[in-house]
N, C-alpha and C. Protein backbone atom coordinates (compact mmCIF):
# COMPACT_ATOMS: atom_id res chain seq x y z
N MET A 1 -5.22 -49.77 227.27
CA MET A 1 -5.22 -49.47 225.84
C MET A 1 -6.28 -48.41 225.55
N ALA A 2 -5.94 -47.46 224.71
CA ALA A 2 -6.86 -46.38 224.35
C ALA A 2 -8.01 -46.92 223.51
N GLN A 3 -9.15 -46.33 223.69
CA GLN A 3 -10.35 -46.70 222.91
C GLN A 3 -10.23 -46.03 221.54
N ARG A 4 -10.12 -46.82 220.49
CA ARG A 4 -9.89 -46.28 219.14
C ARG A 4 -11.05 -46.55 218.19
N SER A 5 -12.17 -47.01 218.70
CA SER A 5 -13.28 -47.38 217.80
C SER A 5 -13.75 -46.19 216.96
N GLN A 6 -13.77 -45.01 217.55
CA GLN A 6 -14.22 -43.83 216.78
C GLN A 6 -13.26 -43.51 215.63
N ASP A 7 -11.98 -43.73 215.84
CA ASP A 7 -11.00 -43.50 214.77
C ASP A 7 -11.27 -44.44 213.60
N TRP A 8 -11.53 -45.71 213.92
CA TRP A 8 -11.81 -46.70 212.87
C TRP A 8 -13.12 -46.36 212.17
N TRP A 9 -14.13 -45.94 212.92
CA TRP A 9 -15.42 -45.60 212.33
C TRP A 9 -15.28 -44.37 211.43
N SER A 10 -14.55 -43.37 211.88
CA SER A 10 -14.35 -42.17 211.06
C SER A 10 -13.63 -42.50 209.76
N GLN A 11 -12.60 -43.34 209.84
CA GLN A 11 -11.88 -43.71 208.62
C GLN A 11 -12.77 -44.54 207.71
N ALA A 12 -13.59 -45.41 208.28
CA ALA A 12 -14.53 -46.21 207.48
C ALA A 12 -15.47 -45.29 206.70
N GLN A 13 -15.96 -44.26 207.36
CA GLN A 13 -16.87 -43.32 206.68
C GLN A 13 -16.14 -42.61 205.53
N ARG A 14 -14.91 -42.22 205.77
CA ARG A 14 -14.13 -41.55 204.71
C ARG A 14 -13.86 -42.50 203.55
N ASP A 15 -13.57 -43.77 203.86
CA ASP A 15 -13.35 -44.76 202.80
C ASP A 15 -14.61 -44.97 201.97
N LEU A 16 -15.77 -44.93 202.62
CA LEU A 16 -17.02 -45.08 201.87
C LEU A 16 -17.23 -43.88 200.94
N GLU A 17 -16.91 -42.69 201.42
CA GLU A 17 -16.98 -41.50 200.57
C GLU A 17 -16.02 -41.64 199.39
N THR A 18 -14.83 -42.15 199.65
CA THR A 18 -13.84 -42.37 198.59
C THR A 18 -14.35 -43.36 197.56
N ALA A 19 -15.00 -44.41 198.02
CA ALA A 19 -15.58 -45.39 197.09
C ALA A 19 -16.58 -44.72 196.17
N ALA A 20 -17.46 -43.90 196.73
CA ALA A 20 -18.47 -43.21 195.92
C ALA A 20 -17.81 -42.24 194.93
N GLU A 21 -16.78 -41.53 195.37
CA GLU A 21 -16.07 -40.61 194.48
C GLU A 21 -15.38 -41.35 193.34
N ASN A 22 -14.75 -42.48 193.68
CA ASN A 22 -14.10 -43.27 192.63
C ASN A 22 -15.12 -43.79 191.63
N ARG A 23 -16.28 -44.20 192.10
CA ARG A 23 -17.33 -44.66 191.19
C ARG A 23 -17.74 -43.53 190.24
N GLU A 24 -17.97 -42.36 190.81
CA GLU A 24 -18.36 -41.20 189.99
C GLU A 24 -17.31 -40.85 188.95
N ASN A 25 -16.03 -41.09 189.27
CA ASN A 25 -14.93 -40.76 188.37
C ASN A 25 -14.54 -41.91 187.45
N GLY A 26 -15.32 -42.97 187.46
CA GLY A 26 -15.06 -44.09 186.56
C GLY A 26 -13.92 -45.00 186.98
N ARG A 27 -13.48 -44.88 188.20
CA ARG A 27 -12.43 -45.74 188.74
C ARG A 27 -13.10 -46.86 189.55
N HIS A 28 -13.76 -47.73 188.80
CA HIS A 28 -14.64 -48.73 189.42
C HIS A 28 -13.88 -49.78 190.22
N GLU A 29 -12.68 -50.13 189.77
CA GLU A 29 -11.91 -51.11 190.54
C GLU A 29 -11.56 -50.55 191.91
N TRP A 30 -11.21 -49.26 191.96
CA TRP A 30 -10.88 -48.63 193.24
C TRP A 30 -12.12 -48.39 194.08
N ALA A 31 -13.24 -48.14 193.43
CA ALA A 31 -14.50 -48.01 194.17
C ALA A 31 -14.82 -49.32 194.88
N CYS A 32 -14.62 -50.43 194.19
CA CYS A 32 -14.90 -51.75 194.78
C CYS A 32 -13.97 -52.02 195.94
N PHE A 33 -12.69 -51.73 195.77
CA PHE A 33 -11.73 -51.96 196.85
C PHE A 33 -12.02 -51.04 198.04
N ALA A 34 -12.28 -49.77 197.77
CA ALA A 34 -12.56 -48.83 198.87
C ALA A 34 -13.84 -49.22 199.61
N ALA A 35 -14.82 -49.75 198.91
CA ALA A 35 -16.05 -50.21 199.57
C ALA A 35 -15.73 -51.37 200.51
N HIS A 36 -14.86 -52.27 200.06
CA HIS A 36 -14.43 -53.36 200.93
C HIS A 36 -13.73 -52.81 202.17
N GLN A 37 -12.79 -51.87 201.95
CA GLN A 37 -12.05 -51.30 203.07
C GLN A 37 -12.98 -50.58 204.05
N ALA A 38 -13.96 -49.89 203.53
CA ALA A 38 -14.92 -49.19 204.38
C ALA A 38 -15.66 -50.18 205.27
N ALA A 39 -16.12 -51.27 204.68
CA ALA A 39 -16.85 -52.27 205.46
C ALA A 39 -15.93 -52.93 206.49
N GLU A 40 -14.72 -53.26 206.08
CA GLU A 40 -13.76 -53.89 207.00
C GLU A 40 -13.52 -52.99 208.21
N LYS A 41 -13.24 -51.72 207.97
CA LYS A 41 -12.94 -50.80 209.06
C LYS A 41 -14.16 -50.52 209.92
N ALA A 42 -15.34 -50.50 209.33
CA ALA A 42 -16.57 -50.31 210.10
C ALA A 42 -16.77 -51.46 211.08
N VAL A 43 -16.59 -52.69 210.60
CA VAL A 43 -16.78 -53.85 211.47
C VAL A 43 -15.69 -53.89 212.55
N LYS A 44 -14.48 -53.51 212.20
CA LYS A 44 -13.42 -53.45 213.20
C LYS A 44 -13.72 -52.38 214.25
N ALA A 45 -14.33 -51.27 213.85
CA ALA A 45 -14.75 -50.25 214.81
C ALA A 45 -15.74 -50.84 215.80
N LEU A 46 -16.66 -51.64 215.32
CA LEU A 46 -17.64 -52.26 216.20
C LEU A 46 -16.97 -53.24 217.16
N HIS A 47 -16.06 -54.04 216.66
CA HIS A 47 -15.30 -54.94 217.54
C HIS A 47 -14.65 -54.15 218.67
N LEU A 48 -13.98 -53.06 218.32
CA LEU A 48 -13.29 -52.25 219.33
C LEU A 48 -14.28 -51.64 220.32
N ALA A 49 -15.41 -51.17 219.83
CA ALA A 49 -16.43 -50.59 220.72
C ALA A 49 -16.97 -51.64 221.69
N LEU A 50 -16.93 -52.89 221.28
CA LEU A 50 -17.40 -53.99 222.13
C LEU A 50 -16.28 -54.54 223.02
N GLY A 51 -15.10 -53.92 222.95
CA GLY A 51 -14.02 -54.30 223.83
C GLY A 51 -13.16 -55.44 223.34
N GLN A 52 -13.19 -55.71 222.06
CA GLN A 52 -12.34 -56.77 221.53
C GLN A 52 -11.61 -56.29 220.29
N GLU A 53 -10.46 -56.89 220.04
CA GLU A 53 -9.70 -56.56 218.84
C GLU A 53 -10.06 -57.54 217.74
N ALA A 54 -9.90 -57.10 216.53
CA ALA A 54 -10.17 -57.96 215.38
C ALA A 54 -9.04 -57.78 214.37
N TRP A 55 -8.60 -58.89 213.82
CA TRP A 55 -7.51 -58.88 212.85
C TRP A 55 -7.97 -59.57 211.58
N GLY A 56 -7.35 -59.20 210.49
CA GLY A 56 -7.65 -59.84 209.21
C GLY A 56 -8.45 -58.92 208.31
N HIS A 57 -8.70 -59.41 207.11
CA HIS A 57 -9.34 -58.60 206.08
C HIS A 57 -10.60 -59.22 205.52
N VAL A 58 -11.01 -60.35 206.04
CA VAL A 58 -12.20 -61.04 205.54
C VAL A 58 -13.40 -60.52 206.32
N VAL A 59 -14.18 -59.67 205.68
CA VAL A 59 -15.29 -59.00 206.36
C VAL A 59 -16.33 -60.01 206.84
N ALA A 60 -16.58 -61.05 206.07
CA ALA A 60 -17.54 -62.07 206.48
C ALA A 60 -17.10 -62.72 207.80
N ARG A 61 -15.82 -63.02 207.94
CA ARG A 61 -15.34 -63.61 209.18
C ARG A 61 -15.37 -62.60 210.32
N LEU A 62 -15.03 -61.35 210.02
CA LEU A 62 -15.09 -60.31 211.05
C LEU A 62 -16.51 -60.18 211.60
N LEU A 63 -17.49 -60.26 210.73
CA LEU A 63 -18.88 -60.23 211.19
C LEU A 63 -19.23 -61.47 212.01
N ALA A 64 -18.78 -62.62 211.54
CA ALA A 64 -19.07 -63.87 212.25
C ALA A 64 -18.43 -63.90 213.63
N ASP A 65 -17.32 -63.19 213.80
CA ASP A 65 -16.60 -63.17 215.08
C ASP A 65 -17.17 -62.17 216.08
N LEU A 66 -18.19 -61.42 215.70
CA LEU A 66 -18.82 -60.51 216.65
C LEU A 66 -19.50 -61.33 217.76
N PRO A 67 -19.56 -60.78 218.97
CA PRO A 67 -20.19 -61.52 220.06
C PRO A 67 -21.69 -61.75 219.86
N THR A 68 -22.33 -60.91 219.07
CA THR A 68 -23.74 -61.12 218.73
C THR A 68 -23.81 -61.52 217.26
N SER A 69 -24.78 -62.31 216.93
CA SER A 69 -24.88 -62.82 215.56
C SER A 69 -25.25 -61.72 214.58
N ALA A 70 -24.51 -61.69 213.50
CA ALA A 70 -24.85 -60.80 212.38
C ALA A 70 -25.86 -61.55 211.51
N PRO A 71 -26.84 -60.85 210.95
CA PRO A 71 -27.81 -61.52 210.08
C PRO A 71 -27.12 -62.19 208.89
N ALA A 72 -27.67 -63.31 208.45
CA ALA A 72 -27.08 -64.08 207.36
C ALA A 72 -26.94 -63.26 206.08
N GLU A 73 -27.92 -62.41 205.80
CA GLU A 73 -27.83 -61.61 204.57
C GLU A 73 -26.72 -60.57 204.66
N LEU A 74 -26.38 -60.16 205.87
CA LEU A 74 -25.27 -59.24 206.04
C LEU A 74 -23.93 -59.95 205.77
N VAL A 75 -23.83 -61.16 206.23
CA VAL A 75 -22.63 -61.96 205.96
C VAL A 75 -22.51 -62.21 204.46
N ASP A 76 -23.65 -62.43 203.79
CA ASP A 76 -23.62 -62.60 202.33
C ASP A 76 -23.13 -61.32 201.64
N SER A 77 -23.55 -60.17 202.14
CA SER A 77 -23.05 -58.89 201.60
C SER A 77 -21.54 -58.81 201.76
N ALA A 78 -21.06 -59.22 202.92
CA ALA A 78 -19.62 -59.20 203.18
C ALA A 78 -18.87 -60.13 202.24
N LYS A 79 -19.46 -61.28 201.94
CA LYS A 79 -18.81 -62.22 201.03
C LYS A 79 -18.63 -61.62 199.64
N VAL A 80 -19.59 -60.84 199.20
CA VAL A 80 -19.45 -60.15 197.91
C VAL A 80 -18.27 -59.18 197.98
N LEU A 81 -18.23 -58.39 199.04
CA LEU A 81 -17.14 -57.42 199.18
C LEU A 81 -15.79 -58.09 199.30
N ASP A 82 -15.73 -59.23 199.98
CA ASP A 82 -14.45 -59.92 200.14
C ASP A 82 -13.84 -60.32 198.81
N ASN A 83 -14.66 -60.50 197.80
CA ASN A 83 -14.16 -60.84 196.47
C ASN A 83 -13.47 -59.68 195.78
N PHE A 84 -13.55 -58.48 196.34
CA PHE A 84 -12.91 -57.31 195.75
C PHE A 84 -11.56 -57.00 196.40
N TYR A 85 -11.21 -57.70 197.46
CA TYR A 85 -10.02 -57.34 198.23
C TYR A 85 -8.72 -57.44 197.42
N VAL A 86 -8.51 -58.51 196.72
CA VAL A 86 -7.27 -58.69 195.95
C VAL A 86 -7.46 -58.39 194.46
N PRO A 87 -8.43 -59.01 193.78
CA PRO A 87 -8.47 -58.86 192.32
C PRO A 87 -8.74 -57.45 191.81
N ALA A 88 -9.34 -56.60 192.64
CA ALA A 88 -9.59 -55.22 192.20
C ALA A 88 -8.31 -54.39 192.16
N ARG A 89 -7.23 -54.93 192.75
CA ARG A 89 -5.98 -54.17 192.83
C ARG A 89 -4.84 -54.74 192.03
N TYR A 90 -4.80 -56.04 191.85
CA TYR A 90 -3.61 -56.67 191.27
C TYR A 90 -3.86 -57.27 189.89
N PRO A 91 -2.97 -56.99 188.93
CA PRO A 91 -3.14 -57.52 187.58
C PRO A 91 -3.17 -59.04 187.52
N ASN A 92 -2.58 -59.73 188.48
CA ASN A 92 -2.65 -61.19 188.46
C ASN A 92 -3.84 -61.73 189.24
N GLY A 93 -4.77 -60.86 189.59
CA GLY A 93 -5.99 -61.28 190.29
C GLY A 93 -7.02 -61.90 189.36
N HIS A 94 -6.84 -61.74 188.07
CA HIS A 94 -7.72 -62.31 187.04
C HIS A 94 -6.85 -63.08 186.05
N ALA A 95 -7.49 -63.95 185.29
CA ALA A 95 -6.74 -64.77 184.33
C ALA A 95 -5.98 -63.92 183.32
N GLU A 96 -6.53 -62.77 182.99
CA GLU A 96 -5.84 -61.83 182.09
C GLU A 96 -6.46 -60.46 182.25
N GLY A 97 -5.75 -59.46 181.81
CA GLY A 97 -6.24 -58.09 181.84
C GLY A 97 -5.94 -57.38 183.15
N ALA A 98 -5.84 -56.08 183.06
CA ALA A 98 -5.63 -55.24 184.24
C ALA A 98 -6.94 -55.15 185.03
N PRO A 99 -6.85 -54.89 186.32
CA PRO A 99 -8.07 -54.84 187.12
C PRO A 99 -9.15 -53.91 186.57
N PHE A 100 -8.76 -52.73 186.08
CA PHE A 100 -9.78 -51.79 185.61
C PHE A 100 -10.61 -52.33 184.46
N GLU A 101 -10.09 -53.33 183.76
CA GLU A 101 -10.82 -53.92 182.65
C GLU A 101 -11.94 -54.86 183.12
N HIS A 102 -11.93 -55.20 184.39
CA HIS A 102 -12.90 -56.17 184.92
C HIS A 102 -14.00 -55.54 185.76
N TYR A 103 -13.93 -54.24 185.98
CA TYR A 103 -14.89 -53.58 186.86
C TYR A 103 -15.51 -52.39 186.16
N GLY A 104 -16.82 -52.26 186.33
CA GLY A 104 -17.56 -51.16 185.74
C GLY A 104 -18.62 -50.67 186.71
N PRO A 105 -19.56 -49.88 186.20
CA PRO A 105 -20.58 -49.29 187.07
C PRO A 105 -21.44 -50.31 187.81
N ILE A 106 -21.69 -51.44 187.19
CA ILE A 106 -22.50 -52.47 187.86
C ILE A 106 -21.78 -52.98 189.11
N GLN A 107 -20.50 -53.31 188.96
CA GLN A 107 -19.75 -53.84 190.09
C GLN A 107 -19.57 -52.80 191.19
N SER A 108 -19.26 -51.57 190.80
CA SER A 108 -19.02 -50.56 191.84
C SER A 108 -20.31 -50.18 192.56
N GLU A 109 -21.42 -50.17 191.87
CA GLU A 109 -22.70 -49.90 192.55
C GLU A 109 -23.05 -51.04 193.50
N LEU A 110 -22.78 -52.27 193.07
CA LEU A 110 -23.01 -53.43 193.93
C LEU A 110 -22.14 -53.35 195.18
N ALA A 111 -20.88 -53.01 195.00
CA ALA A 111 -19.97 -52.90 196.13
C ALA A 111 -20.44 -51.83 197.12
N LEU A 112 -20.82 -50.68 196.59
CA LEU A 112 -21.31 -49.61 197.47
C LEU A 112 -22.59 -50.01 198.19
N SER A 113 -23.46 -50.68 197.50
CA SER A 113 -24.71 -51.13 198.12
C SER A 113 -24.45 -52.08 199.28
N HIS A 114 -23.56 -53.03 199.08
CA HIS A 114 -23.24 -53.98 200.15
C HIS A 114 -22.51 -53.29 201.31
N ALA A 115 -21.61 -52.37 201.00
CA ALA A 115 -20.92 -51.65 202.06
C ALA A 115 -21.91 -50.82 202.87
N ARG A 116 -22.85 -50.18 202.20
CA ARG A 116 -23.86 -49.38 202.92
C ARG A 116 -24.74 -50.26 203.80
N HIS A 117 -25.03 -51.46 203.34
CA HIS A 117 -25.81 -52.41 204.13
C HIS A 117 -25.06 -52.72 205.43
N ILE A 118 -23.78 -52.97 205.34
CA ILE A 118 -22.97 -53.26 206.52
C ILE A 118 -22.87 -52.02 207.40
N PHE A 119 -22.75 -50.84 206.79
CA PHE A 119 -22.68 -49.60 207.55
C PHE A 119 -23.93 -49.38 208.38
N SER A 120 -25.09 -49.68 207.83
CA SER A 120 -26.34 -49.51 208.57
C SER A 120 -26.35 -50.37 209.82
N PHE A 121 -25.91 -51.62 209.66
CA PHE A 121 -25.83 -52.54 210.79
C PHE A 121 -24.86 -52.02 211.85
N VAL A 122 -23.68 -51.62 211.43
CA VAL A 122 -22.65 -51.16 212.37
C VAL A 122 -23.11 -49.87 213.05
N ASP A 123 -23.68 -48.95 212.30
CA ASP A 123 -24.14 -47.69 212.86
C ASP A 123 -25.16 -47.93 213.97
N GLN A 124 -26.09 -48.81 213.73
CA GLN A 124 -27.10 -49.14 214.74
C GLN A 124 -26.46 -49.81 215.95
N ALA A 125 -25.55 -50.74 215.70
CA ALA A 125 -24.89 -51.44 216.80
C ALA A 125 -24.02 -50.49 217.63
N LEU A 126 -23.34 -49.56 216.97
CA LEU A 126 -22.52 -48.60 217.71
C LEU A 126 -23.39 -47.69 218.59
N ALA A 127 -24.58 -47.36 218.11
CA ALA A 127 -25.48 -46.52 218.88
C ALA A 127 -25.94 -47.21 220.16
N GLU A 128 -25.92 -48.53 220.14
CA GLU A 128 -26.35 -49.31 221.30
C GLU A 128 -25.22 -49.62 222.26
N CYS A 129 -23.99 -49.27 221.88
CA CYS A 129 -22.83 -49.56 222.76
C CYS A 129 -22.73 -48.56 223.89
């Protein structure tokens, strides 16, 4: 099987840029979702670099499934991001209202902060592979 970790890492970086752009453009629900996607793909890149495949979309579990322990605060960051996976995209993700009505600058900045936290961890781990 071809080594694809760099492809996943490159896409993760682009998704993080997209999250920041969406935040700047007031598309906070998409910024939150893109931040989640960036973190998910970054952790999957690390799994691949370590010689294992990872499936699923729960970033906290993806971190927990790494062969080395991820710090607890990193898993907590992932748990925040995991809450953006569905409700930031689907109108039935909240009791009422469209997703964009539930997300603003506070949420998108929080999402970006947590994604960057995970990126720092993955970047360091990839450098050690």
